[in-house]
Protein backbone atom coordinates (compact mmCIF):
# COMPACT_ATOMS: atom_id res chain seq x y z
CA UNK A 1 -10.73 168.96 111.38
CA UNK A 2 -11.90 172.41 109.77
CA UNK A 3 -13.84 172.31 106.72
CA UNK A 4 -12.35 169.58 104.12
CA UNK A 5 -13.21 169.50 100.50
CA UNK A 6 -12.62 165.80 99.55
CA UNK A 7 -13.47 164.49 96.03
CA UNK A 8 -13.72 160.59 95.25
CA UNK A 9 -12.28 159.84 91.85
CA UNK A 10 -12.09 156.29 89.93
CA UNK A 11 -13.29 153.96 87.05
CA UNK A 12 -16.68 153.37 86.45
CA UNK A 13 -17.90 150.31 88.86
CA UNK A 14 -15.04 151.00 91.32
CA UNK A 15 -17.43 152.13 94.15
CA UNK A 16 -17.24 155.97 94.14
CA UNK A 17 -20.96 156.49 95.12
CA UNK A 18 -21.03 153.64 97.35
CA UNK A 19 -17.87 155.05 99.30
CA UNK A 20 -19.14 158.66 99.24
CA UNK A 21 -22.22 157.73 100.83
CA UNK A 22 -20.50 155.75 103.61
CA UNK A 23 -17.88 158.28 104.06
CA UNK A 24 -20.45 161.06 104.38
CA UNK A 25 -22.43 158.81 106.87
CA UNK A 26 -19.21 158.08 108.74
CA UNK A 27 -17.91 161.61 109.09
CA UNK A 28 -21.00 163.51 109.13
CA UNK A 29 -19.91 165.37 105.85
CA UNK A 30 -22.16 166.48 103.13
CA UNK A 31 -22.20 164.39 99.98
CA UNK A 32 -22.62 165.46 96.43
CA UNK A 33 -22.90 162.73 93.89
CA UNK A 34 -22.32 162.17 90.29
CA UNK A 35 -25.24 163.31 88.01
CA UNK A 36 -25.13 159.86 85.92
CA UNK A 37 -28.70 158.99 86.04
CA UNK A 38 -29.92 162.37 85.27
CA UNK A 39 -27.68 162.66 82.11
CA UNK A 40 -30.50 162.28 79.33
CA UNK A 41 -27.72 161.32 76.80
CA UNK A 42 -26.29 158.18 78.72
CA UNK A 43 -28.23 155.63 77.33
CA UNK A 44 -27.61 156.81 73.91
CA UNK A 45 -24.09 157.64 74.23
CA UNK A 46 -23.55 153.70 75.22
CA UNK A 47 -25.64 152.79 72.05
CA UNK A 48 -23.45 155.45 69.74
CA UNK A 49 -20.41 156.88 71.53
CA UNK A 50 -19.21 158.78 68.22
CA UNK A 51 -22.99 160.52 68.23
CA UNK A 52 -23.57 161.25 71.61
CA UNK A 53 -20.10 161.81 73.22
CA UNK A 54 -20.02 165.44 72.94
CA UNK A 55 -23.35 165.91 74.41
CA UNK A 56 -22.85 163.82 77.05
CA UNK A 57 -19.37 164.96 78.11
CA UNK A 58 -20.90 168.64 78.31
CA UNK A 59 -23.96 167.79 80.43
CA UNK A 60 -21.46 166.25 82.92
CA UNK A 61 -19.12 169.21 82.70
CA UNK A 62 -21.82 172.04 83.41
CA UNK A 63 -23.38 169.64 86.01
CA UNK A 64 -20.00 169.30 87.74
CA UNK A 65 -19.65 172.96 87.45
CA UNK A 66 -22.76 173.57 89.26
CA UNK A 67 -21.68 171.25 92.11
CA UNK A 68 -18.40 173.19 92.64
CA UNK A 69 -20.57 176.46 93.12
CA UNK A 70 -22.66 174.36 95.57
CA UNK A 71 -19.61 173.10 97.47
CA UNK A 72 -18.11 176.65 97.68
CA UNK A 73 -21.50 177.99 99.43
CA UNK A 74 -21.63 175.15 101.93
CA UNK A 75 -20.18 175.89 105.24
CA UNK A 76 -19.54 172.00 106.18
CA UNK A 77 -17.06 169.71 104.94
CA UNK A 78 -17.97 168.09 101.83
CA UNK A 79 -17.70 164.80 99.87
CA UNK A 80 -17.76 164.87 95.77
CA UNK A 81 -18.38 161.63 93.82
CA UNK A 82 -16.19 162.11 90.72
CA UNK A 83 -14.50 165.35 89.71
CA UNK A 84 -14.46 167.74 86.73
CA UNK A 85 -11.01 167.01 86.14
CA UNK A 86 -11.66 163.13 85.46
CA UNK A 87 -14.65 164.14 82.91
CA UNK A 88 -12.13 166.30 81.03
CA UNK A 89 -8.75 164.57 81.30
CA UNK A 90 -9.87 160.84 81.53
CA UNK A 91 -13.13 160.34 79.96
CA UNK A 92 -13.24 163.12 77.06
CA UNK A 93 -9.74 162.45 76.23
CA UNK A 94 -10.27 158.89 75.94
CA UNK A 95 -13.37 159.56 73.52
CA UNK A 96 -10.95 161.71 71.42
CA UNK A 97 -8.44 158.92 71.28
CA UNK A 98 -10.41 156.40 70.59
CA UNK A 99 -11.94 158.17 67.68
CA UNK A 100 -15.58 158.34 69.59
CA UNK A 101 -15.11 162.27 69.50
CA UNK A 102 -14.00 164.29 66.63
CA UNK A 103 -11.28 166.95 66.74
CA UNK A 104 -13.40 169.96 66.36
CA UNK A 105 -15.77 168.67 69.29
CA UNK A 106 -12.96 167.45 71.40
CA UNK A 107 -11.17 171.20 70.91
CA UNK A 108 -14.51 173.11 71.78
CA UNK A 109 -15.00 170.81 75.23
CA UNK A 110 -11.30 171.37 76.18
CA UNK A 111 -11.41 175.14 75.97
CA UNK A 112 -14.73 175.05 77.81
CA UNK A 113 -12.89 173.11 80.55
CA UNK A 114 -10.02 175.15 80.75
CA UNK A 115 -12.17 178.14 81.64
CA UNK A 116 -13.91 176.28 84.25
CA UNK A 117 -10.81 174.64 85.70
CA UNK A 118 -9.26 178.08 86.09
CA UNK A 119 -12.24 179.53 87.79
CA UNK A 120 -12.84 176.57 90.30
CA UNK A 121 -11.18 176.27 93.32
CA UNK A 122 -9.69 172.65 93.93
CA UNK A 123 -10.40 170.08 96.59
CA UNK A 124 -8.21 169.86 99.67
CA UNK A 125 -7.84 166.30 98.57
CA UNK A 126 -8.53 163.62 95.89
CA UNK A 127 -8.85 159.91 96.91
CA UNK A 128 -8.04 158.11 93.58
CA UNK A 129 -10.08 154.26 94.05
CA UNK A 130 -8.11 152.03 92.21
CA UNK A 131 -9.32 148.67 90.61
CA UNK A 132 -8.32 145.77 87.95
CA UNK A 133 -10.36 145.40 85.09
CA UNK A 134 -11.72 141.98 86.23
CA UNK A 135 -12.79 143.38 89.67
CA UNK A 136 -14.51 146.69 87.66
CA UNK A 137 -16.22 144.23 85.50
CA UNK A 138 -17.82 142.08 88.25
CA UNK A 139 -19.16 145.20 90.41
CA UNK A 140 -20.75 146.45 87.40
CA UNK A 141 -22.47 143.17 86.68
CA UNK A 142 -23.67 143.27 90.25
CA UNK A 143 -25.13 146.74 90.07
CA UNK A 144 -26.97 145.58 87.09
CA UNK A 145 -27.75 148.67 85.40
CA UNK A 146 -28.66 147.79 81.66
CA UNK A 147 -26.66 150.60 79.71
CA UNK A 148 -23.77 149.48 81.56
CA UNK A 149 -23.54 146.19 80.33
CA UNK A 150 -22.91 147.64 76.55
CA UNK A 151 -19.43 148.93 78.07
CA UNK A 152 -16.64 147.22 76.35
CA UNK A 153 -13.51 145.23 77.93
CA UNK A 154 -11.45 147.64 76.06
CA UNK A 155 -13.10 150.93 76.87
CA UNK A 156 -12.55 150.33 80.66
CA UNK A 157 -9.00 149.07 80.41
CA UNK A 158 -8.11 152.19 78.54
CA UNK A 159 -9.84 154.44 81.16
CA UNK A 160 -7.73 152.54 83.73
CA UNK A 161 -4.64 153.48 81.58
CA UNK A 162 -5.66 156.96 81.31
CA UNK A 163 -6.77 156.96 85.40
CA UNK A 164 -3.31 155.76 86.25
CA UNK A 165 -1.52 158.52 84.25
CA UNK A 166 -3.68 161.27 85.41
CA UNK A 167 -3.20 160.41 89.16
CA UNK A 168 0.15 160.53 88.82
CA UNK A 169 0.50 163.86 87.24
CA UNK A 170 -2.36 165.85 88.91
CA UNK A 171 -0.89 168.58 90.90
CA UNK A 172 -3.82 171.03 91.78
CA UNK A 173 -4.04 169.29 95.37
CA UNK A 174 -2.84 165.85 96.93
CA UNK A 175 -4.08 162.68 95.62
CA UNK A 176 -4.68 159.38 98.16
CA UNK A 177 -4.38 156.58 95.99
CA UNK A 178 -6.18 153.34 97.37
CA UNK A 179 -6.37 149.88 95.79
CA UNK A 180 -9.66 148.73 96.21
CA UNK A 181 -9.22 145.16 94.87
CA UNK A 182 -8.28 143.51 98.29
CA UNK A 183 -10.99 145.76 99.84
CA UNK A 184 -15.11 145.34 100.51
CA UNK A 185 -15.54 148.78 102.35
CA UNK A 186 -19.52 148.40 101.77
CA UNK A 187 -19.64 145.22 103.72
CA UNK A 188 -16.30 145.31 105.92
CA UNK A 189 -16.31 147.74 108.47
CA UNK A 190 -12.72 147.12 109.04
CA UNK A 191 -12.03 147.97 105.32
CA UNK A 192 -13.89 151.03 105.73
CA UNK A 193 -12.14 152.56 108.99
CA UNK A 194 -8.99 151.95 107.04
CA UNK A 195 -10.08 154.20 104.60
CA UNK A 196 -11.43 156.52 106.83
CA UNK A 197 -8.29 156.72 108.98
CA UNK A 198 -6.27 157.40 106.22
CA UNK A 199 -8.77 160.05 104.92
CA UNK A 200 -8.77 161.81 108.56
CA UNK A 201 -5.25 161.64 108.66
CA UNK A 202 -4.73 163.57 105.36
CA UNK A 203 -6.89 165.88 105.90
CA UNK A 204 -5.53 167.01 109.47
CA UNK A 205 -1.86 167.36 107.82
CA UNK A 206 -3.56 169.89 105.32
CA UNK A 207 -3.23 172.75 108.04
CA UNK A 208 -6.55 174.02 106.28
CA UNK A 209 -7.30 177.55 107.34
CA UNK A 210 -10.63 177.58 108.85
CA UNK A 211 -13.38 177.95 105.89
CA UNK A 212 -11.27 177.48 103.33
CA UNK A 213 -12.54 176.09 100.31
């Protein structure tokens, strides 16, 4: 394959970072990880979403733009853990719809996002990892992050609704949907190879110009 830009999308706890690491190792591609642990607002956000939602989302938005710039300069095939599109069209929208971000902040955030969205080249392929609510809750519990234990079932469920809506209407690049409920790609080489094969097939079918990003 020529250079390919693949972005891994999905809800909290679905396994994006794990799959990014495994794919990077398996395909010898360059990984770019979500900056969740670097977000200085994240613990405060989960404790008081209405107060800290705008701050947290702006941090993620600016960090994602920086990653896009690094992706554009990379001469290698790359894998991105979560996209700028999810930040705005799933997470920020959910915060606004649930009353955790007021209309003025949401309008300002959305205007900033639209500027970046038109400036940045989209990925060649988005891989959307789908998981049911019980699976997400189990995986979040297993990874044991203290601040994530405050996440409500309702919050995750609404994110799933918005993710399905977003994945079904996203048109900037092809979307490969993978149902992760029956898969254990972390511990099963067979499951991982199935995903690798599907990504290889989709990238090979994109007819990428050499050096394109």
